Amino acid sequence: MTDFFQFEADFVESLRCIPLLVRMKLDTCGVKLKLNHWHEFTLEEREILVNKSCSTPSQAQEYGDLLQQLVYQKTGEYAKTLTIDPHPLWQKKEIIPSQIVEKAQEFDITIDINKWAELTDLQRFALIKLSRPSHENRNFLPALKEFGLA
């Protein structure tokens, strides 16, 4: 398994939580997967979801279909769907979202736009998710450090 961050290590090694890599795929395919759904999946099914590609429209459709099939098999219901943003923030290298700027300022950190542009889509996605007010933000600073922004 690849593309896990160091700050996720305590909970993704066993795949007991949904890794950010999978969370980005969920946003890409438009499926709202709950943690209790994730816990219903076998380790093998979780690993398939980690490793399955979801970057093209057809892959995203296949990924979403697989997810819905798994959720239905385990729960008898389908997962909720989300609107898919055709231009997600994590793909925008030219602007740092204000929520990230504000969260970084809490740690007296200013993120350089050139460094932001050098991040991978997954790194930008992680920072966006970790900076949301509704999210437990304890991994935001470790992520900034891991990504060379602090």
N, C-alpha and C. Protein backbone atom coordinates (compact mmCIF):
# COMPACT_ATOMS: atom_id res chain seq x y z
N MET A 1 0.85 -1.19 0.00
CA MET A 1 0.00 0.00 0.00
C MET A 1 0.89 1.24 0.00
N THR A 2 0.47 2.23 -0.75
CA THR A 2 1.27 3.44 -0.85
C THR A 2 0.39 4.66 -0.64
N ASP A 3 1.02 5.80 -0.67
CA ASP A 3 0.32 7.09 -0.59
C ASP A 3 -0.37 7.34 0.74
N PHE A 4 0.13 6.71 1.79
CA PHE A 4 -0.34 7.06 3.13
C PHE A 4 0.65 8.06 3.69
N PHE A 5 0.15 8.95 4.49
CA PHE A 5 1.00 9.96 5.09
C PHE A 5 1.50 9.48 6.44
N GLN A 6 2.65 10.00 6.86
CA GLN A 6 3.21 9.65 8.17
C GLN A 6 2.23 9.99 9.28
N PHE A 7 1.54 11.15 9.17
CA PHE A 7 0.63 11.55 10.24
C PHE A 7 -0.60 10.63 10.33
N GLU A 8 -0.81 9.79 9.34
CA GLU A 8 -1.91 8.82 9.35
C GLU A 8 -1.47 7.46 9.87
N ALA A 9 -0.19 7.28 10.09
CA ALA A 9 0.38 5.95 10.35
C ALA A 9 -0.30 5.21 11.50
N ASP A 10 -0.69 5.93 12.54
CA ASP A 10 -1.27 5.25 13.70
C ASP A 10 -2.61 4.60 13.41
N PHE A 11 -3.32 5.04 12.38
CA PHE A 11 -4.63 4.44 12.13
C PHE A 11 -4.80 3.84 10.74
N VAL A 12 -3.89 4.05 9.81
CA VAL A 12 -4.09 3.46 8.49
C VAL A 12 -3.35 2.14 8.29
N GLU A 13 -2.41 1.86 9.15
CA GLU A 13 -1.67 0.61 8.98
C GLU A 13 -2.63 -0.58 9.00
N SER A 14 -3.59 -0.54 9.90
CA SER A 14 -4.58 -1.61 9.99
C SER A 14 -5.82 -1.31 9.14
N LEU A 15 -5.85 -0.12 8.54
CA LEU A 15 -6.99 0.35 7.75
C LEU A 15 -8.28 0.40 8.59
N ARG A 16 -8.14 0.71 9.88
CA ARG A 16 -9.34 0.82 10.73
C ARG A 16 -10.08 2.13 10.48
N CYS A 17 -9.38 3.13 9.94
CA CYS A 17 -10.01 4.39 9.55
C CYS A 17 -9.85 4.57 8.05
N ILE A 18 -10.66 5.45 7.50
CA ILE A 18 -10.60 5.69 6.06
C ILE A 18 -9.42 6.61 5.76
N PRO A 19 -8.41 6.12 5.04
CA PRO A 19 -7.26 6.97 4.74
C PRO A 19 -7.63 8.12 3.80
N LEU A 20 -6.86 9.18 3.86
CA LEU A 20 -7.13 10.35 3.02
C LEU A 20 -7.11 9.99 1.54
N LEU A 21 -6.28 9.05 1.15
CA LEU A 21 -6.25 8.60 -0.24
C LEU A 21 -7.63 8.11 -0.68
N VAL A 22 -8.29 7.34 0.18
CA VAL A 22 -9.63 6.83 -0.15
C VAL A 22 -10.65 7.97 -0.05
N ARG A 23 -10.48 8.85 0.92
CA ARG A 23 -11.42 9.96 1.06
C ARG A 23 -11.40 10.85 -0.19
N MET A 24 -10.23 11.02 -0.79
CA MET A 24 -10.16 11.80 -2.04
C MET A 24 -10.91 11.06 -3.15
N LYS A 25 -10.77 9.75 -3.19
CA LYS A 25 -11.49 8.96 -4.20
C LYS A 25 -13.00 9.06 -3.99
N LEU A 26 -13.43 9.11 -2.72
CA LEU A 26 -14.86 9.25 -2.43
C LEU A 26 -15.39 10.56 -2.99
N ASP A 27 -14.64 11.64 -2.78
CA ASP A 27 -15.05 12.94 -3.34
C ASP A 27 -15.05 12.90 -4.86
N THR A 28 -14.11 12.16 -5.43
CA THR A 28 -13.99 12.07 -6.88
C THR A 28 -15.14 11.28 -7.50
N CYS A 29 -15.61 10.24 -6.81
CA CYS A 29 -16.69 9.41 -7.37
C CYS A 29 -18.06 9.80 -6.82
N GLY A 30 -18.10 10.69 -5.83
CA GLY A 30 -19.38 11.19 -5.34
C GLY A 30 -20.13 10.26 -4.41
N VAL A 31 -19.41 9.51 -3.59
CA VAL A 31 -20.05 8.61 -2.63
C VAL A 31 -19.71 9.06 -1.21
N LYS A 32 -20.72 9.13 -0.37
CA LYS A 32 -20.56 9.50 1.04
C LYS A 32 -20.46 8.19 1.83
N LEU A 33 -19.23 7.77 2.08
CA LEU A 33 -18.99 6.53 2.81
C LEU A 33 -18.82 6.84 4.29
N LYS A 34 -19.62 6.21 5.10
CA LYS A 34 -19.53 6.42 6.54
C LYS A 34 -18.51 5.45 7.13
N LEU A 35 -17.97 5.83 8.28
CA LEU A 35 -16.98 4.98 8.94
C LEU A 35 -17.58 3.61 9.27
N ASN A 36 -18.85 3.58 9.67
CA ASN A 36 -19.46 2.27 9.97
C ASN A 36 -19.57 1.41 8.71
N HIS A 37 -19.72 2.01 7.53
CA HIS A 37 -19.67 1.24 6.28
C HIS A 37 -18.28 0.64 6.12
N TRP A 38 -17.27 1.48 6.29
CA TRP A 38 -15.86 1.08 6.15
C TRP A 38 -15.57 -0.11 7.06
N HIS A 39 -16.07 -0.04 8.28
CA HIS A 39 -15.82 -1.11 9.25
C HIS A 39 -16.49 -2.43 8.86
N GLU A 40 -17.52 -2.36 8.03
CA GLU A 40 -18.18 -3.58 7.55
C GLU A 40 -17.35 -4.31 6.50
N PHE A 41 -16.47 -3.58 5.83
CA PHE A 41 -15.67 -4.18 4.76
C PHE A 41 -14.57 -5.06 5.36
N THR A 42 -14.22 -6.11 4.64
CA THR A 42 -13.09 -6.94 5.05
C THR A 42 -11.80 -6.17 4.76
N LEU A 43 -10.70 -6.62 5.35
CA LEU A 43 -9.41 -5.99 5.08
C LEU A 43 -9.10 -6.06 3.59
N GLU A 44 -9.41 -7.19 2.96
CA GLU A 44 -9.16 -7.35 1.52
C GLU A 44 -9.97 -6.31 0.71
N GLU A 45 -11.23 -6.10 1.08
CA GLU A 45 -12.05 -5.11 0.39
C GLU A 45 -11.51 -3.70 0.59
N ARG A 46 -11.06 -3.41 1.79
CA ARG A 46 -10.46 -2.09 2.07
C ARG A 46 -9.22 -1.89 1.23
N GLU A 47 -8.40 -2.92 1.12
CA GLU A 47 -7.17 -2.82 0.33
C GLU A 47 -7.49 -2.61 -1.15
N ILE A 48 -8.55 -3.25 -1.63
CA ILE A 48 -8.98 -3.04 -3.02
C ILE A 48 -9.35 -1.56 -3.22
N LEU A 49 -10.09 -1.01 -2.27
CA LEU A 49 -10.51 0.40 -2.38
C LEU A 49 -9.31 1.35 -2.28
N VAL A 50 -8.31 0.97 -1.53
CA VAL A 50 -7.09 1.78 -1.43
C VAL A 50 -6.35 1.77 -2.77
N ASN A 51 -6.24 0.60 -3.37
CA ASN A 51 -5.39 0.43 -4.55
C ASN A 51 -6.08 0.68 -5.89
N LYS A 52 -7.40 0.65 -5.92
CA LYS A 52 -8.14 0.82 -7.18
C LYS A 52 -8.03 2.26 -7.67
N SER A 53 -7.75 2.43 -8.94
CA SER A 53 -7.63 3.76 -9.54
C SER A 53 -8.98 4.45 -9.61
N CYS A 54 -8.92 5.78 -9.49
CA CYS A 54 -10.15 6.58 -9.51
C CYS A 54 -9.85 7.98 -10.05
N SER A 55 -9.06 8.04 -11.12
CA SER A 55 -8.63 9.37 -11.59
C SER A 55 -9.31 9.83 -12.88
N THR A 56 -9.82 8.91 -13.67
CA THR A 56 -10.53 9.31 -14.88
C THR A 56 -12.03 9.21 -14.62
N PRO A 57 -12.86 9.84 -15.43
CA PRO A 57 -14.31 9.72 -15.22
C PRO A 57 -14.81 8.27 -15.23
N SER A 58 -14.29 7.45 -16.13
CA SER A 58 -14.74 6.06 -16.17
C SER A 58 -14.27 5.29 -14.94
N GLN A 59 -13.05 5.56 -14.47
CA GLN A 59 -12.56 4.91 -13.25
C GLN A 59 -13.37 5.36 -12.04
N ALA A 60 -13.72 6.63 -12.00
CA ALA A 60 -14.53 7.15 -10.89
C ALA A 60 -15.89 6.47 -10.88
N GLN A 61 -16.48 6.27 -12.05
CA GLN A 61 -17.77 5.58 -12.14
C GLN A 61 -17.65 4.14 -11.63
N GLU A 62 -16.59 3.45 -12.07
CA GLU A 62 -16.36 2.07 -11.63
C GLU A 62 -16.14 2.01 -10.13
N TYR A 63 -15.37 2.95 -9.61
CA TYR A 63 -15.06 3.00 -8.18
C TYR A 63 -16.35 3.21 -7.38
N GLY A 64 -17.14 4.17 -7.81
CA GLY A 64 -18.40 4.44 -7.13
C GLY A 64 -19.35 3.26 -7.18
N ASP A 65 -19.41 2.60 -8.32
CA ASP A 65 -20.27 1.42 -8.47
C ASP A 65 -19.82 0.30 -7.52
N LEU A 66 -18.50 0.08 -7.46
CA LEU A 66 -17.96 -0.94 -6.56
C LEU A 66 -18.29 -0.60 -5.10
N LEU A 67 -18.08 0.64 -4.74
CA LEU A 67 -18.39 1.07 -3.37
C LEU A 67 -19.86 0.83 -3.03
N GLN A 68 -20.73 1.26 -3.91
CA GLN A 68 -22.16 1.09 -3.66
C GLN A 68 -22.54 -0.39 -3.56
N GLN A 69 -21.93 -1.21 -4.40
CA GLN A 69 -22.18 -2.65 -4.36
C GLN A 69 -21.74 -3.21 -3.00
N LEU A 70 -20.56 -2.83 -2.53
CA LEU A 70 -20.06 -3.31 -1.25
C LEU A 70 -20.94 -2.85 -0.09
N VAL A 71 -21.30 -1.57 -0.09
CA VAL A 71 -22.14 -1.04 0.98
C VAL A 71 -23.48 -1.77 0.99
N TYR A 72 -24.06 -1.97 -0.18
CA TYR A 72 -25.35 -2.65 -0.26
C TYR A 72 -25.26 -4.11 0.24
N GLN A 73 -24.18 -4.78 -0.16
CA GLN A 73 -23.98 -6.18 0.27
C GLN A 73 -23.90 -6.27 1.79
N LYS A 74 -23.27 -5.27 2.42
CA LYS A 74 -23.04 -5.32 3.87
C LYS A 74 -24.22 -4.79 4.67
N THR A 75 -24.95 -3.81 4.13
CA THR A 75 -25.96 -3.11 4.94
C THR A 75 -27.38 -3.22 4.40
N GLY A 76 -27.53 -3.62 3.14
CA GLY A 76 -28.86 -3.67 2.55
C GLY A 76 -29.34 -2.30 2.07
N GLU A 77 -28.49 -1.30 2.17
CA GLU A 77 -28.81 0.05 1.70
C GLU A 77 -27.61 0.58 0.91
N TYR A 78 -27.89 1.57 0.07
CA TYR A 78 -26.81 2.23 -0.66
C TYR A 78 -26.32 3.43 0.14
N ALA A 79 -25.07 3.77 -0.07
CA ALA A 79 -24.51 4.97 0.55
C ALA A 79 -25.11 6.21 -0.13
N LYS A 80 -25.13 7.30 0.59
CA LYS A 80 -25.59 8.56 -0.01
C LYS A 80 -24.60 8.99 -1.07
N THR A 81 -25.12 9.76 -2.02
CA THR A 81 -24.24 10.28 -3.06
C THR A 81 -23.98 11.76 -2.82
N LEU A 82 -22.87 12.21 -3.34
CA LEU A 82 -22.45 13.61 -3.22
C LEU A 82 -22.36 14.22 -4.61
N THR A 83 -22.52 15.51 -4.67
CA THR A 83 -22.29 16.22 -5.92
C THR A 83 -20.78 16.22 -6.18
N ILE A 84 -20.41 15.88 -7.39
CA ILE A 84 -18.99 15.85 -7.76
C ILE A 84 -18.60 17.22 -8.28
N ASP A 85 -17.60 17.82 -7.65
CA ASP A 85 -17.10 19.12 -8.08
C ASP A 85 -16.21 18.90 -9.32
N PRO A 86 -16.57 19.49 -10.47
CA PRO A 86 -15.75 19.28 -11.67
C PRO A 86 -14.39 19.98 -11.58
N HIS A 87 -14.26 20.93 -10.66
CA HIS A 87 -12.99 21.65 -10.48
C HIS A 87 -12.66 21.74 -8.99
N PRO A 88 -12.31 20.61 -8.37
CA PRO A 88 -12.08 20.61 -6.93
C PRO A 88 -10.90 21.50 -6.52
N LEU A 89 -11.01 22.04 -5.32
CA LEU A 89 -9.98 22.95 -4.81
C LEU A 89 -8.59 22.35 -4.82
N TRP A 90 -8.49 21.04 -4.56
CA TRP A 90 -7.17 20.44 -4.47
C TRP A 90 -6.44 20.41 -5.81
N GLN A 91 -7.14 20.63 -6.89
CA GLN A 91 -6.49 20.66 -8.20
C GLN A 91 -6.01 22.07 -8.57
N LYS A 92 -6.38 23.05 -7.78
CA LYS A 92 -6.03 24.44 -8.08
C LYS A 92 -4.70 24.80 -7.42
N LYS A 93 -3.68 24.87 -8.26
CA LYS A 93 -2.33 25.15 -7.77
C LYS A 93 -2.08 26.64 -7.60
N GLU A 94 -2.92 27.46 -8.24
CA GLU A 94 -2.65 28.90 -8.29
C GLU A 94 -3.24 29.69 -7.11
N ILE A 95 -4.02 29.02 -6.27
CA ILE A 95 -4.61 29.72 -5.13
C ILE A 95 -4.69 28.79 -3.92
N ILE A 96 -4.31 29.32 -2.78
CA ILE A 96 -4.40 28.58 -1.53
C ILE A 96 -5.75 28.90 -0.90
N PRO A 97 -6.58 27.90 -0.65
CA PRO A 97 -7.89 28.18 -0.05
C PRO A 97 -7.77 28.94 1.27
N SER A 98 -8.68 29.88 1.49
CA SER A 98 -8.62 30.75 2.67
C SER A 98 -8.64 29.95 3.96
N GLN A 99 -9.37 28.83 4.00
CA GLN A 99 -9.43 28.05 5.23
C GLN A 99 -8.05 27.50 5.61
N ILE A 100 -7.23 27.21 4.61
CA ILE A 100 -5.88 26.70 4.87
C ILE A 100 -4.98 27.85 5.33
N VAL A 101 -5.10 28.98 4.67
CA VAL A 101 -4.32 30.17 5.06
C VAL A 101 -4.62 30.52 6.52
N GLU A 102 -5.90 30.55 6.86
CA GLU A 102 -6.31 30.90 8.23
C GLU A 102 -5.83 29.87 9.25
N LYS A 103 -5.95 28.60 8.91
CA LYS A 103 -5.52 27.55 9.84
C LYS A 103 -4.01 27.60 10.03
N ALA A 104 -3.26 27.82 8.97
CA ALA A 104 -1.80 27.92 9.06
C ALA A 104 -1.39 29.12 9.93
N GLN A 105 -2.14 30.21 9.81
CA GLN A 105 -1.83 31.40 10.61
C GLN A 105 -1.98 31.13 12.10
N GLU A 106 -2.84 30.21 12.48
CA GLU A 106 -2.98 29.84 13.89
C GLU A 106 -1.66 29.30 14.44
N PHE A 107 -0.80 28.80 13.56
CA PHE A 107 0.50 28.27 13.95
C PHE A 107 1.64 29.22 13.54
N ASP A 108 1.27 30.46 13.19
CA ASP A 108 2.23 31.47 12.72
C ASP A 108 2.99 30.99 11.49
N ILE A 109 2.28 30.33 10.59
CA ILE A 109 2.88 29.82 9.36
C ILE A 109 2.21 30.48 8.17
N THR A 110 3.03 30.93 7.24
CA THR A 110 2.53 31.45 5.97
C THR A 110 2.98 30.48 4.90
N ILE A 111 2.04 30.00 4.12
CA ILE A 111 2.36 29.02 3.08
C ILE A 111 2.71 29.76 1.79
N ASP A 112 3.85 29.45 1.24
CA ASP A 112 4.32 30.03 -0.01
C ASP A 112 3.53 29.42 -1.17
N ILE A 113 3.02 30.27 -2.05
CA ILE A 113 2.21 29.80 -3.17
C ILE A 113 2.99 28.84 -4.08
N ASN A 114 4.28 29.06 -4.23
CA ASN A 114 5.09 28.15 -5.06
C ASN A 114 5.20 26.76 -4.43
N LYS A 115 5.32 26.73 -3.11
CA LYS A 115 5.36 25.43 -2.42
C LYS A 115 4.00 24.74 -2.50
N TRP A 116 2.93 25.54 -2.40
CA TRP A 116 1.58 24.99 -2.54
C TRP A 116 1.44 24.33 -3.91
N ALA A 117 1.91 25.00 -4.94
CA ALA A 117 1.79 24.49 -6.31
C ALA A 117 2.59 23.21 -6.51
N GLU A 118 3.67 23.03 -5.73
CA GLU A 118 4.51 21.85 -5.86
C GLU A 118 3.92 20.62 -5.17
N LEU A 119 2.94 20.82 -4.30
CA LEU A 119 2.32 19.69 -3.61
C LEU A 119 1.57 18.81 -4.61
N THR A 120 1.39 17.55 -4.24
CA THR A 120 0.57 16.66 -5.06
C THR A 120 -0.91 17.00 -4.80
N ASP A 121 -1.77 16.55 -5.68
CA ASP A 121 -3.21 16.73 -5.46
C ASP A 121 -3.62 16.12 -4.11
N LEU A 122 -3.07 14.96 -3.79
CA LEU A 122 -3.43 14.30 -2.54
C LEU A 122 -2.97 15.11 -1.33
N GLN A 123 -1.81 15.72 -1.40
CA GLN A 123 -1.34 16.56 -0.30
C GLN A 123 -2.24 17.79 -0.14
N ARG A 124 -2.60 18.42 -1.26
CA ARG A 124 -3.50 19.58 -1.18
C ARG A 124 -4.87 19.15 -0.63
N PHE A 125 -5.37 18.01 -1.09
CA PHE A 125 -6.63 17.48 -0.59
C PHE A 125 -6.57 17.28 0.93
N ALA A 126 -5.48 16.68 1.38
CA ALA A 126 -5.32 16.43 2.82
C ALA A 126 -5.39 17.72 3.61
N LEU A 127 -4.68 18.74 3.17
CA LEU A 127 -4.69 20.01 3.90
C LEU A 127 -6.07 20.65 3.89
N ILE A 128 -6.77 20.53 2.79
CA ILE A 128 -8.13 21.08 2.71
C ILE A 128 -9.02 20.35 3.73
N LYS A 129 -8.95 19.02 3.75
CA LYS A 129 -9.78 18.26 4.69
C LYS A 129 -9.39 18.55 6.14
N LEU A 130 -8.10 18.63 6.39
CA LEU A 130 -7.62 18.82 7.76
C LEU A 130 -7.84 20.24 8.28
N SER A 131 -8.16 21.17 7.41
CA SER A 131 -8.36 22.56 7.84
C SER A 131 -9.83 22.91 7.99
N ARG A 132 -10.71 21.99 7.66
CA ARG A 132 -12.15 22.29 7.78
C ARG A 132 -12.54 22.45 9.23
N PRO A 133 -13.40 23.44 9.52
CA PRO A 133 -13.82 23.68 10.90
C PRO A 133 -14.50 22.47 11.55
N SER A 134 -15.16 21.65 10.74
CA SER A 134 -15.89 20.51 11.28
C SER A 134 -14.98 19.30 11.53
N HIS A 135 -13.71 19.42 11.19
CA HIS A 135 -12.78 18.30 11.29
C HIS A 135 -11.90 18.44 12.52
N GLU A 136 -11.58 17.31 13.11
CA GLU A 136 -10.59 17.32 14.19
C GLU A 136 -9.25 17.69 13.54
N ASN A 137 -8.67 18.78 13.97
CA ASN A 137 -7.53 19.35 13.25
C ASN A 137 -6.16 18.99 13.82
N ARG A 138 -6.06 17.97 14.64
CA ARG A 138 -4.77 17.70 15.27
C ARG A 138 -3.68 17.30 14.29
N ASN A 139 -4.05 16.84 13.10
CA ASN A 139 -3.05 16.44 12.12
C ASN A 139 -2.68 17.54 11.13
N PHE A 140 -3.28 18.73 11.26
CA PHE A 140 -2.98 19.80 10.31
C PHE A 140 -1.50 20.20 10.40
N LEU A 141 -1.02 20.51 11.60
CA LEU A 141 0.38 20.91 11.74
C LEU A 141 1.34 19.78 11.36
N PRO A 142 1.11 18.54 11.81
CA PRO A 142 1.98 17.46 11.33
C PRO A 142 1.99 17.33 9.81
N ALA A 143 0.85 17.58 9.18
CA ALA A 143 0.80 17.51 7.71
C ALA A 143 1.63 18.63 7.10
N LEU A 144 1.50 19.84 7.64
CA LEU A 144 2.32 20.95 7.12
C LEU A 144 3.80 20.61 7.21
N LYS A 145 4.19 20.03 8.33
CA LYS A 145 5.61 19.67 8.52
C LYS A 145 6.01 18.57 7.54
N GLU A 146 5.16 17.55 7.42
CA GLU A 146 5.48 16.44 6.53
C GLU A 146 5.61 16.90 5.08
N PHE A 147 4.82 17.88 4.69
CA PHE A 147 4.81 18.37 3.31
C PHE A 147 5.86 19.47 3.08
N GLY A 148 6.65 19.79 4.10
CA GLY A 148 7.70 20.80 3.97
C GLY A 148 7.19 22.23 3.94
N LEU A 149 6.03 22.46 4.54
CA LEU A 149 5.45 23.81 4.55
C LEU A 149 5.64 24.52 5.89
N ALA A 150 6.16 23.81 6.89
CA ALA A 150 6.36 24.40 8.21
C ALA A 150 7.76 24.06 8.72
